[in-house]
Protein backbone atom coordinates (compact mmCIF):
# COMPACT_ATOMS: atom_id res chain seq x y z
CA MET A 1 10.70 15.51 14.09
CA GLU A 2 13.71 13.21 12.84
CA GLN A 3 12.27 10.14 14.13
CA PHE A 4 8.77 11.04 12.61
CA GLY A 5 10.24 11.76 8.97
CA SER A 6 12.10 8.62 9.08
CA ARG A 7 8.86 6.75 9.61
CA VAL A 8 7.02 8.76 7.36
CA ALA A 9 9.73 7.50 4.60
CA LYS A 10 9.96 3.76 6.26
CA LEU A 11 6.40 3.65 5.34
CA ARG A 12 6.58 5.11 1.98
CA VAL A 13 9.54 3.05 0.86
CA GLY A 14 7.29 -0.45 2.20
CA MET A 15 4.44 0.73 0.13
CA ARG A 16 6.91 1.30 -2.87
CA MET A 17 5.81 4.38 -3.67
CA SER A 18 7.76 7.49 -5.17
CA LYS A 19 8.19 10.78 -2.70
CA LYS A 20 5.76 12.51 -5.82
CA SER A 21 2.83 9.86 -5.86
CA PHE A 22 3.02 9.31 -1.99
CA ALA A 23 3.12 13.20 -1.70
CA GLU A 24 -0.13 13.47 -4.20
CA MET A 25 -1.94 10.87 -2.23
CA ILE A 26 -1.55 12.84 1.36
CA GLY A 27 -1.83 16.21 -0.39
CA VAL A 28 1.32 17.89 0.03
CA SER A 29 4.35 18.69 -2.79
CA ALA A 30 7.09 16.07 -3.23
CA GLN A 31 9.65 18.60 -1.94
CA TYR A 32 7.70 19.26 1.59
CA LEU A 33 7.49 15.26 1.95
CA GLY A 34 11.19 15.56 1.13
CA LYS A 35 11.72 17.98 4.16
CA VAL A 36 9.54 16.00 6.59
CA GLU A 37 11.64 12.98 5.72
CA SER A 38 14.71 14.47 6.54
CA GLY A 39 13.24 15.78 9.84
CA GLU A 40 13.21 19.78 8.88
CA HIS A 41 9.58 20.03 8.80
CA GLY A 42 6.51 18.17 10.31
CA PHE A 43 3.08 17.77 9.16
CA THR A 44 -0.14 19.62 10.35
CA LEU A 45 -2.83 17.28 11.92
CA ASP A 46 -4.66 17.47 8.88
CA THR A 47 -2.17 16.31 6.82
CA LEU A 48 -1.43 13.35 9.58
CA ALA A 49 -4.94 12.62 9.43
CA ALA A 50 -5.05 12.20 5.59
CA LEU A 51 -1.84 9.97 5.91
CA CYS A 52 -3.07 7.89 8.53
CA GLU A 53 -6.75 7.12 6.85
CA ARG A 54 -4.95 6.80 3.37
CA THR A 55 -2.37 4.29 4.47
CA GLY A 56 -3.92 2.28 7.67
CA VAL A 57 -1.26 3.06 9.96
CA SER A 58 -1.59 4.94 13.32
CA ALA A 59 -0.60 8.43 14.16
CA ASP A 60 0.56 6.68 17.54
CA TYR A 61 3.36 4.73 15.47
CA LEU A 62 4.08 7.93 13.21
CA LEU A 63 4.54 10.28 15.93
CA PHE A 64 6.03 8.04 18.83
CA GLY A 65 7.02 4.70 17.33
CA ARG A 66 4.75 2.95 19.99
CA ASP A 67 3.38 0.15 17.56
CA SER A 68 5.56 -2.53 18.15
CA SER A 69 4.61 -4.36 15.15
CA LEU A 70 6.35 -3.26 12.10
CA ARG A 71 3.84 -5.06 10.00
CA ALA A 72 1.25 -2.57 11.16
CA ALA A 73 3.57 0.20 9.94
CA VAL A 74 4.32 -1.28 6.48
CA PRO A 75 2.10 -2.90 4.34
CA ASP A 76 2.73 -6.62 3.24
CA THR A 77 2.61 -6.12 -0.31
CA ARG A 78 3.67 -9.50 -1.07
CA ARG A 79 0.43 -10.93 0.33
CA PHE A 80 -1.35 -8.99 -2.69
CA GLN A 81 0.89 -10.38 -5.01
CA ASN A 82 0.40 -14.12 -3.95
CA ASP A 83 -3.44 -13.08 -3.72
CA ASN A 84 -3.03 -11.85 -7.79
CA LYS A 85 -0.99 -15.12 -8.90
CA ARG A 86 -3.75 -17.49 -6.89
CA ASN A 87 -6.55 -15.19 -8.56
CA GLU A 88 -5.08 -15.68 -11.93
CA SER A 89 -4.62 -19.81 -11.62
CA LEU A 90 -8.30 -19.95 -10.37
CA ILE A 91 -9.68 -17.82 -13.45
CA GLN A 92 -7.58 -20.31 -15.73
CA GLU A 93 -9.19 -23.02 -14.13
CA ILE A 94 -12.47 -21.57 -14.57
CA PHE A 95 -12.10 -21.02 -18.27
CA LYS A 96 -10.92 -24.12 -18.66
CA TYR A 97 -13.66 -26.05 -17.36
CA ARG A 98 -16.19 -23.49 -18.81
CA THR A 99 -14.66 -24.50 -22.56
CA ASP A 100 -14.72 -28.13 -21.58
CA ASP A 101 -18.06 -28.15 -20.64
CA ALA A 102 -18.93 -25.45 -23.45
CA ALA A 103 -17.46 -28.44 -25.87
CA ALA A 104 -19.49 -31.30 -24.25
CA ALA A 105 -22.74 -29.54 -24.73
CA ARG A 106 -22.80 -28.81 -28.37
CA PRO A 107 -24.07 -31.06 -30.40
CA ALA A 108 -22.05 -33.33 -32.90
CA ILE A 109 -22.18 -32.06 -36.57
């Protein structure tokens, strides 16, 4: 169970979540999650299914480490950060043009 727990911990850390918030997301207590991560306990099938469903990580990876790609196990949060930056600049450009268009459409007083 120790390898399973370390993969769960790696997933949680990669998602930048606290034990408390990660545990709430999958329906266990933070104390129980800590015992899973340290290899003292495992998950029920229902909890494992919830973990896989809510994180998009395969049970095959969590249980056996068979997924050869770490990217599949740990979401790349940088992609979301980059998307947000790009979206912010696009929104600024849209407002710039809308403001310019509105000023051009106003009659001179």
